[in-house]
Amino acid sequence: LEGATVMEVGGGIGQIQAELVRREAAHGTVVEVVAAYEDVARELAAATGIADRTTFVLADLVEAPDAVEPADIVVLRRVVCCTPVGPSVLGAAASRTSRTLLASYPRDRAGVRIVVRLQNGFLALTRKRFRVFVHSPGALERAAETHGLRRSRVERGFVWETAQFVADS
């Protein structure tokens, strides 16, 4: 991490990038589409002593990938499942990755899909607009490959899968 730039896409208040910057990354950026997180993100940066080495950017990377400079390490923790265009989000993040992209998302398996359908049904009944999506790992991998990244590692839990993509050298 020493000297690396990090970016957390859809990071809310930026807890992951804050921890990476605190652990010697040179600079961190939080990219978020929800403006309400900005003040709390700035408070977190101040509280952890990294305010001078972190940036909050309000942007939709799918619509405006050039809104941020590329970073060495890009993290998407449980973000691609929050949108029907998850592979596009991962692809946009991959386009801003110079070294490593880490992404976690729900596993594409029957049990997970059933729970997601039930969850989305409940959200609909309660008149919430938010929905959860399960994307094909192959589609996510292809989105990263389009931008010169290859999957180098994958960890599978009961519900979540985490993949590491690295730049071809």
Protein backbone atom coordinates (compact mmCIF):
# COMPACT_ATOMS: atom_id res chain seq x y z
CA LEU A 1 0.00 0.00 0.00
CA GLU A 2 2.84 2.39 0.66
CA GLY A 3 2.57 5.26 -1.80
CA ALA A 4 -0.43 3.78 -3.66
CA THR A 5 -3.52 5.72 -4.62
CA VAL A 6 -6.81 4.07 -3.70
CA MET A 7 -10.39 4.61 -4.80
CA GLU A 8 -13.56 3.32 -3.20
CA VAL A 9 -16.48 3.33 -5.63
CA GLY A 10 -19.91 3.49 -4.04
CA GLY A 11 -18.15 3.70 -0.73
CA GLY A 12 -20.70 5.74 1.17
CA ILE A 13 -18.63 7.50 3.81
CA GLY A 14 -15.42 5.87 2.59
CA GLN A 15 -14.51 3.55 5.44
CA ILE A 16 -12.40 1.25 3.28
CA GLN A 17 -10.37 3.98 1.59
CA ALA A 18 -9.92 5.68 4.97
CA GLU A 19 -8.42 2.51 6.41
CA LEU A 20 -6.15 2.03 3.40
CA VAL A 21 -4.93 5.63 3.56
CA ARG A 22 -4.41 5.29 7.30
CA ARG A 23 -2.24 2.26 6.48
CA GLU A 24 0.15 4.22 4.25
CA ALA A 25 -1.65 4.62 0.93
CA ALA A 26 -0.66 8.03 -0.44
CA HIS A 27 -4.15 9.26 -1.26
CA GLY A 28 -7.73 7.99 -1.24
CA THR A 29 -10.80 8.95 -3.20
CA VAL A 30 -14.42 8.08 -2.44
CA VAL A 31 -16.67 8.10 -5.51
CA GLU A 32 -20.34 8.16 -4.61
CA VAL A 33 -23.69 8.97 -6.25
CA VAL A 34 -25.41 9.90 -2.96
CA ALA A 35 -24.56 13.45 -1.90
CA ALA A 36 -25.78 12.87 1.67
CA TYR A 37 -22.63 10.85 2.44
CA GLU A 38 -20.23 13.72 1.76
CA ASP A 39 -20.37 15.52 5.12
CA VAL A 40 -20.03 12.28 7.09
CA ALA A 41 -17.16 11.18 4.81
CA ARG A 42 -15.35 14.43 5.56
CA GLU A 43 -15.96 13.91 9.30
CA LEU A 44 -14.52 10.40 9.08
CA ALA A 45 -11.46 11.67 7.20
CA ALA A 46 -10.89 14.36 9.85
CA ALA A 47 -11.40 11.92 12.72
CA THR A 48 -8.88 9.45 11.27
CA GLY A 49 -6.30 12.15 10.51
CA ILE A 50 -6.35 11.72 6.74
CA ALA A 51 -8.38 14.75 5.63
CA ASP A 52 -5.41 16.12 3.71
CA ARG A 53 -5.00 12.82 1.81
CA THR A 54 -8.59 12.01 0.85
CA THR A 55 -11.13 13.33 -1.63
CA PHE A 56 -14.89 12.84 -1.95
CA VAL A 57 -16.22 12.97 -5.52
CA LEU A 58 -19.92 13.02 -6.30
CA ALA A 59 -20.13 11.25 -9.67
CA ASP A 60 -21.71 8.38 -11.57
CA LEU A 61 -18.72 6.55 -13.06
CA VAL A 62 -20.88 4.88 -15.70
CA GLU A 63 -21.98 8.29 -16.99
CA ALA A 64 -18.73 10.15 -16.32
CA PRO A 65 -15.73 7.81 -15.87
CA ASP A 66 -13.32 10.71 -16.37
CA ALA A 67 -14.69 12.47 -13.28
CA VAL A 68 -11.82 10.91 -11.33
CA GLU A 69 -8.19 10.18 -12.03
CA PRO A 70 -7.14 6.53 -12.22
CA ALA A 71 -6.01 4.89 -8.98
CA ASP A 72 -3.61 2.04 -8.28
CA ILE A 73 -6.19 0.13 -6.23
CA VAL A 74 -9.95 0.38 -6.76
CA VAL A 75 -12.48 -1.21 -4.41
CA LEU A 76 -16.17 -1.96 -5.02
CA ARG A 77 -17.60 -3.54 -1.88
CA ARG A 78 -21.17 -4.72 -2.39
CA VAL A 79 -21.84 -2.08 -5.03
CA VAL A 80 -22.51 -3.91 -8.31
CA CYS A 81 -25.57 -5.58 -6.75
CA CYS A 82 -27.24 -2.21 -6.14
CA THR A 83 -27.91 -1.49 -9.80
CA PRO A 84 -29.22 -3.29 -12.88
CA VAL A 85 -26.08 -2.09 -14.70
CA GLY A 86 -23.61 -3.77 -12.32
CA PRO A 87 -21.25 -4.97 -15.07
CA SER A 88 -21.14 -1.42 -16.44
CA VAL A 89 -20.26 -0.08 -12.98
CA LEU A 90 -17.47 -2.65 -12.65
CA GLY A 91 -16.27 -1.82 -16.18
CA ALA A 92 -16.21 1.90 -15.41
CA ALA A 93 -14.23 1.21 -12.23
CA ALA A 94 -11.87 -1.05 -14.20
CA SER A 95 -11.26 1.83 -16.62
CA ARG A 96 -9.95 3.86 -13.66
CA THR A 97 -7.75 1.03 -12.28
CA SER A 98 -4.03 1.01 -12.95
CA ARG A 99 -3.06 -1.97 -10.79
CA THR A 100 -5.71 -3.89 -8.82
CA LEU A 101 -9.51 -3.95 -8.69
CA LEU A 102 -11.32 -5.68 -5.84
CA ALA A 103 -15.05 -6.34 -6.10
CA SER A 104 -17.58 -8.20 -3.98
CA TYR A 105 -21.03 -9.20 -5.16
CA PRO A 106 -23.74 -11.80 -4.43
CA ARG A 107 -22.99 -15.28 -5.71
CA ASP A 108 -24.94 -16.34 -8.77
CA ARG A 109 -26.61 -19.41 -7.29
CA ALA A 110 -30.21 -20.51 -6.87
CA GLY A 111 -30.48 -19.93 -3.11
CA VAL A 112 -29.10 -16.42 -3.36
CA ARG A 113 -31.41 -15.60 -6.28
CA ILE A 114 -34.44 -16.79 -4.29
CA VAL A 115 -33.51 -14.65 -1.28
CA VAL A 116 -32.93 -11.64 -3.56
CA ARG A 117 -36.37 -12.12 -5.17
CA LEU A 118 -37.98 -12.28 -1.72
CA GLN A 119 -36.06 -9.21 -0.60
CA ASN A 120 -37.07 -7.28 -3.73
CA GLY A 121 -40.70 -8.36 -3.21
CA PHE A 122 -40.60 -6.99 0.33
CA LEU A 123 -39.02 -3.75 -0.91
CA ALA A 124 -41.80 -3.42 -3.51
CA LEU A 125 -44.50 -4.03 -0.88
CA THR A 126 -43.01 -1.32 1.32
CA ARG A 127 -42.85 1.02 -1.69
CA LYS A 128 -39.07 1.29 -1.69
CA ARG A 129 -37.43 1.92 -5.06
CA PHE A 130 -34.16 0.21 -4.18
CA ARG A 131 -33.65 -3.31 -5.61
CA VAL A 132 -30.89 -5.90 -5.37
CA PHE A 133 -29.44 -7.59 -8.45
CA VAL A 134 -27.43 -10.76 -8.95
CA HIS A 135 -25.11 -10.47 -11.94
CA SER A 136 -23.30 -13.18 -13.83
CA PRO A 137 -19.67 -13.45 -12.66
CA GLY A 138 -18.77 -14.02 -16.32
CA ALA A 139 -20.32 -10.69 -17.30
CA LEU A 140 -18.44 -8.96 -14.49
CA GLU A 141 -15.19 -10.60 -15.53
CA ARG A 142 -15.71 -9.58 -19.17
CA ALA A 143 -16.33 -5.99 -18.06
CA ALA A 144 -12.95 -5.96 -16.30
CA GLU A 145 -11.19 -7.70 -19.21
CA THR A 146 -12.45 -5.00 -21.59
CA HIS A 147 -10.22 -2.58 -19.68
CA GLY A 148 -7.10 -4.75 -19.55
CA LEU A 149 -7.71 -6.47 -16.21
CA ARG A 150 -7.76 -10.21 -15.61
CA ARG A 151 -9.24 -12.07 -12.68
CA SER A 152 -6.36 -13.35 -10.57
CA ARG A 153 -8.20 -14.59 -7.51
CA VAL A 154 -11.69 -15.35 -6.25
CA GLU A 155 -13.01 -16.17 -2.78
CA ARG A 156 -16.50 -17.60 -2.40
CA GLY A 157 -18.53 -17.40 0.76
CA PHE A 158 -22.04 -18.65 1.32
CA VAL A 159 -23.66 -15.48 -0.10
CA TRP A 160 -20.83 -13.22 -1.28
CA GLU A 161 -18.07 -13.68 -3.84
CA THR A 162 -14.99 -11.47 -3.87
CA ALA A 163 -12.80 -11.20 -6.95
CA GLN A 164 -9.44 -9.60 -7.50
CA PHE A 165 -8.61 -8.31 -10.97
CA VAL A 166 -5.10 -7.19 -11.88
CA ALA A 167 -3.70 -5.16 -14.74
CA ASP A 168 -1.89 -7.12 -17.41
CA SER A 169 1.76 -6.19 -17.24
